[in-house]
Structure formats: C-alpha cells, structure tokens
Amino acid sequence: MIFGILNQKGGVGKTTLSVNLAACLARAGHRVLLIDADPQGSALDWAAARQGEPLFTVVGFPRPSIHKEIGLMGKGYDHIVIDGPPRVTDLARSAIMASDIVVIPVQPSPYDIWAADEVVKLIEEARVYKESIKSAFVVNRKITNTAIGRDVREALAAYPVHVLQASVTQRVVFAEAAAQGQAIFEIDAAGPAVAEIEAVAAELMEYAK
C-alpha cells in the first residue's frame, strides 16, 4: 500500500504523521519505505537525528517523477509512505499519482479547512488519469475538549473526501520523539499518542482495501 501524506498548508504535522505511521506499520512487522518528497527534508532530518538501528528505510526524493519511479523504488517493501511537499507543484501532483490513498492531515482550524480545497482539487485532477486513488482526511493536532475540535469533521464533510473517525491530539511527546529521531512508541509505548496513531493506521488500512 502506498500512502501519500499531503496538505498544501504548512504546520499541519505532515512529517510527524508520516514518520509515526511508517513506524507503526514497521512495528507490526511490515517492511516499510518512507520517501521524503518535501524539499525541506524534515523526514531525512528525523532519520539523521536517530541513534541506533533504523526502524524503516528513509530516502529523499523531492522530484516530480515519483509516480514513474515508485515501482522500482518500492521493490521489496510491503508499504510506502510519502511525506509530500507543502505546496501545489508538479512534485505534489506526482506524489498524488504515486499513491493508493492520499491522507490529508488537517488541524481543527477554519484556515486549514479552507486550505484543504487545493489538495482536494489536485486529487480530483489526478483521478482523470488514475481512477483508483482514494483520499481521507485525518484531524491532526486536535486540542482536547474544544468546540472546534468537535466541529471540524462536520466542516470537512462538505468535501468529497472520507473523514477518518480516528484523530491525533496535540501532545508534547510528538516533539520530544522527533528531536531524538524516534517514534512515539519508543518514548511512551503505552501512552495515548501511540493508541491514536495505531487507530489511524488501522482505519487507513481498512479504508484502503
């Protein structure tokens, strides 16, 4: 399965979700490749900060030919996660075309909900060439017990995109893990953040079938 994590708005937690989704799949025994297609190279920075054995393979490939080369790059892997670029570019279009399912992380803010329109349009364009592409919103960096956190799913329902029931809450542990090049389960294996990521991964796998 190829997961493309994309949103045209910065600061939505795209790399954090990409890294921890990849780690969750690897922890379950799958062979996972994380492609850093963001010119900023945040996932590569995460991998460079890591001490010890890698959990999965991370490669940088910020080029608009991902969809053409994904078959060769992904040989031998069970799942591929693409950490996409933060702007509407040929690179973003290529990442979408390479994906089986495009995952759109959205913070519970009106600005994020409005900005999602751009990536939704890109997915619709890509379906002209690849009808099988699926897409899903995941509410990320949710603030607990806030009205906007509860209302965001209703607002996202206006788009022709599936909205995951599972969501990810804003937690300090994500930043702590990232600074050490670790996945959250290595910091707090029994914590709520791990449960949230596992729920997102499980729902995505079920929806992608």
N, C-alpha and C. Protein backbone atom coordinates (compact mmCIF):
# COMPACT_ATOMS: atom_id res chain seq x y z
N MET A 1 0.84 -1.19 0.00
CA MET A 1 0.00 0.00 0.00
C MET A 1 0.89 1.25 0.00
N ILE A 2 0.49 2.24 -0.79
CA ILE A 2 1.26 3.49 -0.87
C ILE A 2 0.41 4.62 -0.31
N PHE A 3 0.89 5.20 0.79
CA PHE A 3 0.20 6.30 1.45
C PHE A 3 0.91 7.61 1.12
N GLY A 4 0.20 8.56 0.53
CA GLY A 4 0.76 9.88 0.30
C GLY A 4 0.21 10.84 1.33
N ILE A 5 1.08 11.44 2.15
CA ILE A 5 0.63 12.38 3.19
C ILE A 5 0.84 13.79 2.64
N LEU A 6 -0.26 14.45 2.32
CA LEU A 6 -0.15 15.75 1.65
C LEU A 6 -1.12 16.77 2.20
N ASN A 7 -0.66 17.99 2.26
CA ASN A 7 -1.52 19.15 2.50
C ASN A 7 -0.75 20.37 2.03
N GLN A 8 -1.43 21.28 1.38
CA GLN A 8 -0.76 22.45 0.83
C GLN A 8 -0.48 23.52 1.87
N LYS A 9 -0.96 23.33 3.08
CA LYS A 9 -0.73 24.28 4.16
C LYS A 9 0.36 23.73 5.08
N GLY A 10 1.33 24.55 5.40
CA GLY A 10 2.40 24.13 6.30
C GLY A 10 1.92 24.05 7.74
N GLY A 11 2.69 23.35 8.57
CA GLY A 11 2.42 23.33 10.00
C GLY A 11 1.28 22.43 10.44
N VAL A 12 0.87 21.50 9.57
CA VAL A 12 -0.26 20.63 9.93
C VAL A 12 0.20 19.32 10.58
N GLY A 13 1.51 19.14 10.70
CA GLY A 13 2.03 17.91 11.30
C GLY A 13 2.20 16.78 10.31
N LYS A 14 2.44 17.14 9.05
CA LYS A 14 2.56 16.17 7.97
C LYS A 14 3.71 15.18 8.21
N THR A 15 4.89 15.70 8.51
CA THR A 15 6.05 14.81 8.71
C THR A 15 5.89 13.97 9.97
N THR A 16 5.37 14.55 11.02
CA THR A 16 5.14 13.80 12.26
C THR A 16 4.22 12.63 12.01
N LEU A 17 3.15 12.87 11.25
CA LEU A 17 2.21 11.80 10.93
C LEU A 17 2.87 10.76 10.02
N SER A 18 3.64 11.22 9.03
CA SER A 18 4.32 10.30 8.11
C SER A 18 5.27 9.37 8.85
N VAL A 19 6.10 9.94 9.69
CA VAL A 19 7.11 9.17 10.42
C VAL A 19 6.44 8.14 11.35
N ASN A 20 5.43 8.58 12.08
CA ASN A 20 4.82 7.68 13.06
C ASN A 20 3.89 6.66 12.43
N LEU A 21 3.30 6.99 11.28
CA LEU A 21 2.54 5.98 10.53
C LEU A 21 3.49 4.91 10.02
N ALA A 22 4.61 5.33 9.46
CA ALA A 22 5.62 4.38 8.98
C ALA A 22 6.13 3.50 10.13
N ALA A 23 6.38 4.12 11.28
CA ALA A 23 6.88 3.38 12.45
C ALA A 23 5.85 2.38 12.95
N CYS A 24 4.59 2.78 12.91
CA CYS A 24 3.51 1.89 13.35
C CYS A 24 3.42 0.66 12.45
N LEU A 25 3.52 0.88 11.15
CA LEU A 25 3.47 -0.24 10.20
C LEU A 25 4.69 -1.14 10.36
N ALA A 26 5.87 -0.52 10.58
CA ALA A 26 7.09 -1.31 10.78
C ALA A 26 7.03 -2.11 12.07
N ARG A 27 6.47 -1.52 13.09
CA ARG A 27 6.33 -2.20 14.39
C ARG A 27 5.45 -3.44 14.27
N ALA A 28 4.51 -3.39 13.33
CA ALA A 28 3.60 -4.52 13.11
C ALA A 28 4.25 -5.62 12.27
N GLY A 29 5.53 -5.41 11.90
CA GLY A 29 6.26 -6.44 11.18
C GLY A 29 6.35 -6.26 9.68
N HIS A 30 5.88 -5.11 9.17
CA HIS A 30 5.92 -4.86 7.74
C HIS A 30 7.23 -4.20 7.33
N ARG A 31 7.63 -4.44 6.09
CA ARG A 31 8.79 -3.75 5.52
C ARG A 31 8.31 -2.43 4.95
N VAL A 32 8.84 -1.33 5.48
CA VAL A 32 8.30 0.00 5.18
C VAL A 32 9.39 0.91 4.61
N LEU A 33 9.01 1.64 3.57
CA LEU A 33 9.86 2.68 2.98
C LEU A 33 9.18 4.02 3.18
N LEU A 34 9.90 4.98 3.73
CA LEU A 34 9.41 6.36 3.84
C LEU A 34 10.15 7.20 2.82
N ILE A 35 9.43 7.78 1.88
CA ILE A 35 10.02 8.66 0.87
C ILE A 35 9.79 10.11 1.30
N ASP A 36 10.87 10.83 1.53
CA ASP A 36 10.78 12.24 1.87
C ASP A 36 10.76 13.02 0.55
N ALA A 37 9.55 13.44 0.14
CA ALA A 37 9.38 14.18 -1.10
C ALA A 37 9.23 15.67 -0.85
N ASP A 38 9.52 16.09 0.37
CA ASP A 38 9.46 17.51 0.74
C ASP A 38 10.86 18.09 0.60
N PRO A 39 11.04 19.13 -0.24
CA PRO A 39 12.37 19.73 -0.40
C PRO A 39 13.00 20.19 0.92
N GLN A 40 12.16 20.43 1.95
CA GLN A 40 12.71 20.83 3.26
C GLN A 40 13.43 19.67 3.95
N GLY A 41 13.10 18.44 3.57
CA GLY A 41 13.82 17.27 4.09
C GLY A 41 13.64 16.97 5.56
N SER A 42 12.47 17.25 6.12
CA SER A 42 12.25 17.06 7.56
C SER A 42 12.34 15.60 7.98
N ALA A 43 11.82 14.69 7.15
CA ALA A 43 11.89 13.26 7.50
C ALA A 43 13.33 12.77 7.47
N LEU A 44 14.12 13.29 6.52
CA LEU A 44 15.55 12.95 6.49
C LEU A 44 16.26 13.48 7.73
N ASP A 45 15.89 14.68 8.17
CA ASP A 45 16.46 15.24 9.40
C ASP A 45 16.13 14.35 10.59
N TRP A 46 14.89 13.86 10.62
CA TRP A 46 14.47 12.96 11.70
C TRP A 46 15.34 11.70 11.69
N ALA A 47 15.55 11.13 10.51
CA ALA A 47 16.36 9.92 10.41
C ALA A 47 17.81 10.18 10.82
N ALA A 48 18.33 11.37 10.48
CA ALA A 48 19.72 11.70 10.82
C ALA A 48 19.90 11.90 12.33
N ALA A 49 18.83 12.32 13.00
CA ALA A 49 18.91 12.56 14.45
C ALA A 49 18.86 11.26 15.25
N ARG A 50 18.50 10.17 14.58
CA ARG A 50 18.29 8.91 15.28
C ARG A 50 19.61 8.24 15.67
N GLN A 51 19.63 7.69 16.87
CA GLN A 51 20.75 6.87 17.33
C GLN A 51 20.32 5.41 17.25
N GLY A 52 21.23 4.54 16.80
CA GLY A 52 20.91 3.12 16.77
C GLY A 52 20.27 2.69 15.46
N GLU A 53 19.73 1.50 15.48
CA GLU A 53 19.17 0.89 14.27
C GLU A 53 17.94 1.64 13.77
N PRO A 54 17.82 1.81 12.44
CA PRO A 54 16.61 2.45 11.90
C PRO A 54 15.41 1.53 12.02
N LEU A 55 14.24 2.13 12.18
CA LEU A 55 13.00 1.35 12.24
C LEU A 55 12.54 0.95 10.84
N PHE A 56 12.89 1.80 9.87
CA PHE A 56 12.49 1.59 8.48
C PHE A 56 13.42 2.42 7.60
N THR A 57 13.35 2.21 6.31
CA THR A 57 14.21 2.93 5.36
C THR A 57 13.62 4.31 5.05
N VAL A 58 14.49 5.32 5.06
CA VAL A 58 14.07 6.68 4.68
C VAL A 58 14.95 7.13 3.52
N VAL A 59 14.32 7.56 2.43
CA VAL A 59 15.07 8.09 1.30
C VAL A 59 14.50 9.45 0.90
N GLY A 60 15.37 10.32 0.44
CA GLY A 60 14.92 11.62 -0.06
C GLY A 60 14.71 11.55 -1.57
N PHE A 61 13.53 12.01 -2.02
CA PHE A 61 13.26 12.00 -3.45
C PHE A 61 12.28 13.14 -3.80
N PRO A 62 12.75 14.38 -3.66
CA PRO A 62 11.86 15.52 -3.96
C PRO A 62 11.84 15.86 -5.45
N ARG A 63 11.40 14.90 -6.25
CA ARG A 63 11.39 15.09 -7.70
C ARG A 63 10.00 14.77 -8.25
N PRO A 64 9.60 15.45 -9.33
CA PRO A 64 8.26 15.25 -9.88
C PRO A 64 8.12 14.00 -10.74
N SER A 65 8.95 13.00 -10.47
CA SER A 65 8.87 11.74 -11.21
C SER A 65 8.62 10.55 -10.27
N ILE A 66 8.12 10.84 -9.07
CA ILE A 66 7.88 9.77 -8.09
C ILE A 66 6.94 8.72 -8.66
N HIS A 67 5.87 9.17 -9.31
CA HIS A 67 4.87 8.22 -9.81
C HIS A 67 5.44 7.31 -10.90
N LYS A 68 6.48 7.77 -11.57
CA LYS A 68 7.11 6.95 -12.60
C LYS A 68 8.11 5.97 -12.02
N GLU A 69 8.70 6.33 -10.89
CA GLU A 69 9.79 5.53 -10.33
C GLU A 69 9.43 4.75 -9.07
N ILE A 70 8.18 4.93 -8.61
CA ILE A 70 7.77 4.31 -7.36
C ILE A 70 7.83 2.79 -7.44
N GLY A 71 7.55 2.22 -8.61
CA GLY A 71 7.57 0.77 -8.76
C GLY A 71 8.94 0.20 -8.49
N LEU A 72 9.96 0.85 -9.03
CA LEU A 72 11.34 0.40 -8.83
C LEU A 72 11.81 0.70 -7.41
N MET A 73 11.50 1.90 -6.91
CA MET A 73 11.92 2.30 -5.56
C MET A 73 11.30 1.41 -4.49
N GLY A 74 10.05 1.01 -4.73
CA GLY A 74 9.32 0.29 -3.70
C GLY A 74 9.46 -1.22 -3.72
N LYS A 75 10.32 -1.73 -4.59
CA LYS A 75 10.51 -3.19 -4.67
C LYS A 75 11.00 -3.73 -3.33
N GLY A 76 10.35 -4.80 -2.87
CA GLY A 76 10.77 -5.43 -1.63
C GLY A 76 10.12 -4.86 -0.38
N TYR A 77 9.28 -3.84 -0.54
CA TYR A 77 8.61 -3.24 0.63
C TYR A 77 7.13 -3.60 0.63
N ASP A 78 6.57 -3.74 1.82
CA ASP A 78 5.14 -4.02 1.96
C ASP A 78 4.32 -2.74 1.85
N HIS A 79 4.85 -1.67 2.43
CA HIS A 79 4.13 -0.39 2.43
C HIS A 79 5.11 0.76 2.17
N ILE A 80 4.60 1.80 1.53
CA ILE A 80 5.39 3.00 1.28
C ILE A 80 4.61 4.20 1.81
N VAL A 81 5.30 5.06 2.53
CA VAL A 81 4.71 6.32 3.00
C VAL A 81 5.46 7.46 2.32
N ILE A 82 4.73 8.35 1.67
CA ILE A 82 5.34 9.51 1.01
C ILE A 82 5.03 10.76 1.83
N ASP A 83 6.07 11.39 2.35
CA ASP A 83 5.90 12.68 3.04
C ASP A 83 5.97 13.76 1.96
N GLY A 84 4.81 14.25 1.56
CA GLY A 84 4.71 15.13 0.40
C GLY A 84 5.13 16.57 0.66
N PRO A 85 5.24 17.35 -0.42
CA PRO A 85 5.65 18.75 -0.32
C PRO A 85 4.51 19.63 0.17
N PRO A 86 4.83 20.82 0.70
CA PRO A 86 3.81 21.68 1.28
C PRO A 86 3.19 22.69 0.31
N ARG A 87 3.37 22.51 -0.98
CA ARG A 87 2.80 23.47 -1.93
C ARG A 87 2.24 22.74 -3.13
N VAL A 88 1.36 23.43 -3.86
CA VAL A 88 0.81 22.88 -5.10
C VAL A 88 1.88 23.00 -6.18
N THR A 89 2.48 21.87 -6.52
CA THR A 89 3.56 21.85 -7.51
C THR A 89 3.44 20.56 -8.32
N ASP A 90 4.28 20.44 -9.34
CA ASP A 90 4.35 19.19 -10.09
C ASP A 90 4.78 18.04 -9.18
N LEU A 91 5.57 18.37 -8.17
CA LEU A 91 6.01 17.37 -7.21
C LEU A 91 4.82 16.83 -6.41
N ALA A 92 3.94 17.72 -5.99
CA ALA A 92 2.74 17.30 -5.26
C ALA A 92 1.85 16.43 -6.15
N ARG A 93 1.69 16.84 -7.39
CA ARG A 93 0.88 16.06 -8.34
C ARG A 93 1.47 14.66 -8.54
N SER A 94 2.79 14.58 -8.63
CA SER A 94 3.46 13.30 -8.81
C SER A 94 3.27 12.40 -7.59
N ALA A 95 3.35 13.00 -6.39
CA ALA A 95 3.17 12.22 -5.15
C ALA A 95 1.75 11.67 -5.08
N ILE A 96 0.77 12.46 -5.51
CA ILE A 96 -0.62 12.00 -5.52
C ILE A 96 -0.79 10.86 -6.51
N MET A 97 -0.22 11.01 -7.70
CA MET A 97 -0.33 9.97 -8.73
C MET A 97 0.33 8.66 -8.29
N ALA A 98 1.35 8.77 -7.44
CA ALA A 98 2.06 7.58 -6.96
C ALA A 98 1.29 6.84 -5.87
N SER A 99 0.32 7.51 -5.26
CA SER A 99 -0.33 6.99 -4.06
C SER A 99 -1.54 6.11 -4.36
N ASP A 100 -1.76 5.15 -3.48
CA ASP A 100 -3.02 4.39 -3.47
C ASP A 100 -4.07 5.16 -2.68
N ILE A 101 -3.62 5.78 -1.60
CA ILE A 101 -4.51 6.60 -0.78
C ILE A 101 -3.78 7.86 -0.35
N VAL A 102 -4.41 9.00 -0.57
CA VAL A 102 -3.84 10.28 -0.17
C VAL A 102 -4.44 10.65 1.19
N VAL A 103 -3.59 10.82 2.17
CA VAL A 103 -4.00 11.16 3.53
C VAL A 103 -3.75 12.65 3.73
N ILE A 104 -4.80 13.38 4.09
CA ILE A 104 -4.70 14.84 4.23
C ILE A 104 -4.84 15.21 5.71
N PRO A 105 -3.71 15.49 6.38
CA PRO A 105 -3.81 15.92 7.78
C PRO A 105 -4.33 17.35 7.85
N VAL A 106 -5.31 17.58 8.72
CA VAL A 106 -5.93 18.90 8.85
C VAL A 106 -6.02 19.25 10.33
N GLN A 107 -5.51 20.41 10.68
CA GLN A 107 -5.69 20.88 12.04
C GLN A 107 -7.12 21.43 12.19
N PRO A 108 -7.67 21.36 13.38
CA PRO A 108 -9.03 21.87 13.58
C PRO A 108 -9.05 23.40 13.62
N SER A 109 -8.85 24.00 12.46
CA SER A 109 -8.90 25.46 12.34
C SER A 109 -9.58 25.81 11.03
N PRO A 110 -10.33 26.89 10.99
CA PRO A 110 -11.00 27.28 9.74
C PRO A 110 -10.02 27.45 8.59
N TYR A 111 -8.82 27.96 8.88
CA TYR A 111 -7.83 28.19 7.82
C TYR A 111 -7.41 26.87 7.17
N ASP A 112 -7.23 25.85 8.00
CA ASP A 112 -6.84 24.54 7.48
C ASP A 112 -7.96 23.92 6.64
N ILE A 113 -9.18 24.09 7.11
CA ILE A 113 -10.33 23.52 6.40
C ILE A 113 -10.47 24.19 5.03
N TRP A 114 -10.29 25.51 4.99
CA TRP A 114 -10.37 26.23 3.71
C TRP A 114 -9.21 25.83 2.80
N ALA A 115 -8.02 25.71 3.37
CA ALA A 115 -6.83 25.40 2.57
C ALA A 115 -6.88 24.00 1.98
N ALA A 116 -7.67 23.11 2.59
CA ALA A 116 -7.77 21.74 2.09
C ALA A 116 -8.34 21.69 0.68
N ASP A 117 -9.04 22.73 0.29
CA ASP A 117 -9.65 22.78 -1.04
C ASP A 117 -8.63 22.54 -2.15
N GLU A 118 -7.42 23.07 -1.96
CA GLU A 118 -6.39 22.96 -3.00
C GLU A 118 -5.96 21.52 -3.25
N VAL A 119 -5.68 20.79 -2.18
CA VAL A 119 -5.23 19.41 -2.35
C VAL A 119 -6.37 18.52 -2.84
N VAL A 120 -7.60 18.82 -2.43
CA VAL A 120 -8.75 18.06 -2.91
C VAL A 120 -8.88 18.23 -4.43
N LYS A 121 -8.67 19.44 -4.92
CA LYS A 121 -8.73 19.69 -6.37
C LYS A 121 -7.63 18.93 -7.10
N LEU A 122 -6.44 18.86 -6.51
CA LEU A 122 -5.34 18.11 -7.12
C LEU A 122 -5.68 16.62 -7.22
N ILE A 123 -6.32 16.09 -6.18
CA ILE A 123 -6.69 14.68 -6.19
C ILE A 123 -7.73 14.42 -7.28
N GLU A 124 -8.69 15.33 -7.40
CA GLU A 124 -9.72 15.18 -8.44
C GLU A 124 -9.09 15.21 -9.84
N GLU A 125 -8.11 16.08 -10.03
CA GLU A 125 -7.39 16.14 -11.30
C GLU A 125 -6.66 14.82 -11.57
N ALA A 126 -6.02 14.28 -10.55
CA ALA A 126 -5.24 13.06 -10.71
C ALA A 126 -6.13 11.87 -11.04
N ARG A 127 -7.37 11.88 -10.56
CA ARG A 127 -8.28 10.76 -10.82
C ARG A 127 -8.66 10.63 -12.29
N VAL A 128 -8.45 11.68 -13.06
CA VAL A 128 -8.68 11.59 -14.50
C VAL A 128 -7.74 10.55 -15.11
N TYR A 129 -6.53 10.47 -14.54
CA TYR A 129 -5.51 9.55 -15.05
C TYR A 129 -5.43 8.25 -14.25
N LYS A 130 -5.85 8.32 -12.98
CA LYS A 130 -5.77 7.15 -12.10
C LYS A 130 -7.02 7.13 -11.23
N GLU A 131 -8.06 6.46 -11.70
CA GLU A 131 -9.37 6.48 -11.05
C GLU A 131 -9.36 5.86 -9.65
N SER A 132 -8.40 4.98 -9.41
CA SER A 132 -8.43 4.19 -8.17
C SER A 132 -7.93 4.93 -6.93
N ILE A 133 -7.41 6.16 -7.09
CA ILE A 133 -6.87 6.90 -5.94
C ILE A 133 -7.96 7.16 -4.91
N LYS A 134 -7.69 6.78 -3.67
CA LYS A 134 -8.60 7.09 -2.57
C LYS A 134 -8.02 8.26 -1.77
N SER A 135 -8.86 8.90 -0.98
CA SER A 135 -8.39 10.04 -0.18
C SER A 135 -9.12 10.07 1.15
N ALA A 136 -8.43 10.57 2.17
CA ALA A 136 -9.02 10.62 3.51
C ALA A 136 -8.43 11.78 4.30
N PHE A 137 -9.29 12.49 5.01
CA PHE A 137 -8.84 13.50 5.96
C PHE A 137 -8.54 12.82 7.30
N VAL A 138 -7.50 13.29 7.98
CA VAL A 138 -7.30 12.90 9.37
C VAL A 138 -7.11 14.18 10.18
N VAL A 139 -7.91 14.34 11.21
CA VAL A 139 -7.80 15.51 12.07
C VAL A 139 -6.55 15.33 12.93
N ASN A 140 -5.62 16.28 12.80
CA ASN A 140 -4.32 16.17 13.44
C ASN A 140 -4.10 17.39 14.34
N ARG A 141 -3.32 17.19 15.38
CA ARG A 141 -3.03 18.27 16.34
C ARG A 141 -4.32 18.84 16.94
N LYS A 142 -5.24 17.94 17.21
CA LYS A 142 -6.52 18.35 17.81
C LYS A 142 -6.28 18.79 19.26
N ILE A 143 -6.96 19.85 19.66
CA ILE A 143 -6.89 20.31 21.04
C ILE A 143 -8.06 19.69 21.80
N THR A 144 -7.75 18.99 22.87
CA THR A 144 -8.78 18.27 23.63
C THR A 144 -9.84 19.21 24.19
N ASN A 145 -11.08 18.76 24.13
CA ASN A 145 -12.22 19.46 24.74
C ASN A 145 -12.43 20.88 24.22
N THR A 146 -12.26 21.06 22.92
CA THR A 146 -12.57 22.37 22.33
C THR A 146 -13.68 22.19 21.31
N ALA A 147 -14.47 23.24 21.13
CA ALA A 147 -15.60 23.17 20.20
C ALA A 147 -15.13 22.94 18.78
N ILE A 148 -14.06 23.63 18.37
CA ILE A 148 -13.57 23.48 17.00
C ILE A 148 -13.07 22.06 16.77
N GLY A 149 -12.52 21.46 17.80
CA GLY A 149 -12.07 20.08 17.68
C GLY A 149 -13.22 19.13 17.42
N ARG A 150 -14.37 19.44 17.98
CA ARG A 150 -15.56 18.59 17.79
C ARG A 150 -16.24 18.88 16.45
N ASP A 151 -16.18 20.13 16.01
CA ASP A 151 -16.93 20.55 14.83
C ASP A 151 -16.21 20.33 13.51
N VAL A 152 -14.91 20.05 13.57
CA VAL A 152 -14.12 20.01 12.34
C VAL A 152 -14.60 18.93 11.37
N ARG A 153 -15.02 17.79 11.89
CA ARG A 153 -15.47 16.72 10.99
C ARG A 153 -16.70 17.16 10.18
N GLU A 154 -17.58 17.88 10.84
CA GLU A 154 -18.78 18.37 10.16
C GLU A 154 -18.39 19.33 9.03
N ALA A 155 -17.41 20.18 9.29
CA ALA A 155 -16.96 21.14 8.27
C ALA A 155 -16.29 20.42 7.10
N LEU A 156 -15.50 19.39 7.40
CA LEU A 156 -14.81 18.64 6.34
C LEU A 156 -15.77 17.81 5.49
N ALA A 157 -16.94 17.52 6.02
CA ALA A 157 -17.92 16.71 5.30
C ALA A 157 -18.39 17.38 4.01
N ALA A 158 -18.12 18.68 3.88
CA ALA A 158 -18.50 19.39 2.65
C ALA A 158 -17.65 18.95 1.46
N TYR A 159 -16.51 18.34 1.74
CA TYR A 159 -15.63 17.88 0.66
C TYR A 159 -15.96 16.44 0.28
N PRO A 160 -15.69 16.04 -0.96
CA PRO A 160 -15.93 14.66 -1.38
C PRO A 160 -14.79 13.73 -0.98
N VAL A 161 -14.42 13.80 0.28
CA VAL A 161 -13.28 13.04 0.81
C VAL A 161 -13.72 12.36 2.11
N HIS A 162 -13.31 11.11 2.28
CA HIS A 162 -13.61 10.37 3.51
C HIS A 162 -12.93 11.04 4.71
N VAL A 163 -13.63 11.10 5.84
CA VAL A 163 -13.05 11.67 7.06
C VAL A 163 -12.88 10.53 8.07
N LEU A 164 -11.64 10.30 8.49
CA LEU A 164 -11.38 9.23 9.45
C LEU A 164 -12.03 9.53 10.80
N GLN A 165 -12.53 8.49 11.44
CA GLN A 165 -13.05 8.64 12.81
C GLN A 165 -11.89 8.83 13.79
N ALA A 166 -10.78 8.15 13.54
CA ALA A 166 -9.60 8.28 14.40
C ALA A 166 -8.96 9.65 14.17
N SER A 167 -8.44 10.24 15.22
CA SER A 167 -7.77 11.54 15.11
C SER A 167 -6.56 11.56 16.04
N VAL A 168 -5.73 12.59 15.87
CA VAL A 168 -4.49 12.69 16.65
C VAL A 168 -4.50 14.01 17.42
N THR A 169 -4.27 13.91 18.71
CA THR A 169 -4.30 15.08 19.60
C THR A 169 -2.92 15.73 19.68
N GLN A 170 -2.91 17.03 19.87
CA GLN A 170 -1.65 17.76 20.06
C GLN A 170 -1.03 17.32 21.39
N ARG A 171 0.17 16.75 21.32
CA ARG A 171 0.84 16.26 22.53
C ARG A 171 2.35 16.56 22.45
N VAL A 172 2.93 16.89 23.59
CA VAL A 172 4.36 17.21 23.68
C VAL A 172 5.22 16.02 23.26
N VAL A 173 4.74 14.80 23.48
CA VAL A 173 5.53 13.61 23.19
C VAL A 173 5.94 13.52 21.72
N PHE A 174 5.13 14.08 20.83
CA PHE A 174 5.49 14.04 19.41
C PHE A 174 6.76 14.84 19.14
N ALA A 175 6.86 16.03 19.73
CA ALA A 175 8.06 16.86 19.57
C ALA A 175 9.26 16.23 20.25
N GLU A 176 9.05 15.65 21.42
CA GLU A 176 10.14 15.01 22.16
C GLU A 176 10.71 13.83 21.36
N ALA A 177 9.84 13.04 20.77
CA ALA A 177 10.29 11.90 19.97
C ALA A 177 11.02 12.37 18.72
N ALA A 178 10.47 13.39 18.05
CA ALA A 178 11.07 13.88 16.81
C ALA A 178 12.48 14.39 17.04
N ALA A 179 12.70 15.09 18.15
CA ALA A 179 14.01 15.66 18.44
C ALA A 179 15.09 14.59 18.58
N GLN A 180 14.67 13.37 18.93
CA GLN A 180 15.62 12.26 19.12
C GLN A 180 15.63 11.29 17.94
N GLY A 181 14.87 11.61 16.90
CA GLY A 181 14.79 10.69 15.77
C GLY A 181 14.11 9.39 16.14
N GLN A 182 13.15 9.49 17.05
CA GLN A 182 12.45 8.29 17.50
C GLN A 182 10.97 8.36 17.15
N ALA A 183 10.33 7.20 17.16
CA ALA A 183 8.88 7.13 17.03
C ALA A 183 8.28 7.26 18.43
N ILE A 184 7.02 7.65 18.47
CA ILE A 184 6.42 7.88 19.79
C ILE A 184 6.35 6.61 20.63
N PHE A 185 6.21 5.44 19.99
CA PHE A 185 6.11 4.21 20.80
C PHE A 185 7.42 3.91 21.52
N GLU A 186 8.53 4.50 21.04
CA GLU A 186 9.82 4.30 21.71
C GLU A 186 9.96 5.21 22.93
N ILE A 187 9.14 6.25 22.99
CA ILE A 187 9.17 7.20 24.11
C ILE A 187 8.17 6.82 25.19
N ASP A 188 6.96 6.45 24.73
CA ASP A 188 5.88 6.14 25.67
C ASP A 188 4.99 5.07 25.04
N ALA A 189 5.41 3.83 25.15
CA ALA A 189 4.77 2.73 24.42
C ALA A 189 3.30 2.54 24.77
N ALA A 190 2.95 2.85 26.02
CA ALA A 190 1.57 2.62 26.45
C ALA A 190 0.75 3.91 26.49
N GLY A 191 1.30 4.98 25.94
CA GLY A 191 0.63 6.28 26.03
C GLY A 191 -0.50 6.46 25.03
N PRO A 192 -1.32 7.50 25.25
CA PRO A 192 -2.46 7.75 24.37
C PRO A 192 -2.06 8.13 22.95
N ALA A 193 -0.89 8.75 22.77
CA ALA A 193 -0.46 9.14 21.42
C ALA A 193 -0.25 7.90 20.54
N VAL A 194 0.34 6.85 21.13
CA VAL A 194 0.56 5.61 20.39
C VAL A 194 -0.77 4.98 20.00
N ALA A 195 -1.73 4.99 20.92
CA ALA A 195 -3.05 4.44 20.65
C ALA A 195 -3.73 5.19 19.50
N GLU A 196 -3.54 6.51 19.46
CA GLU A 196 -4.16 7.32 18.40
C GLU A 196 -3.54 7.00 17.04
N ILE A 197 -2.23 6.92 16.98
CA ILE A 197 -1.55 6.60 15.72
C ILE A 197 -1.94 5.20 15.24
N GLU A 198 -2.00 4.26 16.17
CA GLU A 198 -2.39 2.89 15.80
C GLU A 198 -3.82 2.86 15.27
N ALA A 199 -4.70 3.66 15.85
CA ALA A 199 -6.09 3.73 15.39
C ALA A 199 -6.17 4.32 13.98
N VAL A 200 -5.38 5.36 13.73
CA VAL A 200 -5.33 5.96 12.39
C VAL A 200 -4.82 4.94 11.37
N ALA A 201 -3.74 4.25 11.73
CA ALA A 201 -3.16 3.25 10.81
C ALA A 201 -4.15 2.14 10.51
N ALA A 202 -4.81 1.64 11.54
CA ALA A 202 -5.78 0.55 11.35
C ALA A 202 -6.94 0.99 10.47
N GLU A 203 -7.43 2.20 10.71
CA GLU A 203 -8.57 2.70 9.91
C GLU A 203 -8.16 2.93 8.46
N LEU A 204 -6.96 3.45 8.26
CA LEU A 204 -6.47 3.66 6.89
C LEU A 204 -6.32 2.34 6.14
N MET A 205 -5.79 1.33 6.81
CA MET A 205 -5.62 0.02 6.18
C MET A 205 -6.97 -0.57 5.79
N GLU A 206 -7.95 -0.39 6.65
CA GLU A 206 -9.29 -0.92 6.37
C GLU A 206 -9.93 -0.14 5.22
N TYR A 207 -9.79 1.18 5.24
CA TYR A 207 -10.41 2.01 4.20
C TYR A 207 -9.75 1.80 2.83
N ALA A 208 -8.45 1.51 2.85
CA ALA A 208 -7.70 1.37 1.60
C ALA A 208 -7.99 0.07 0.87
N LYS A 209 -8.64 -0.88 1.52
CA LYS A 209 -8.88 -2.20 0.92
C LYS A 209 -9.74 -2.08 -0.34
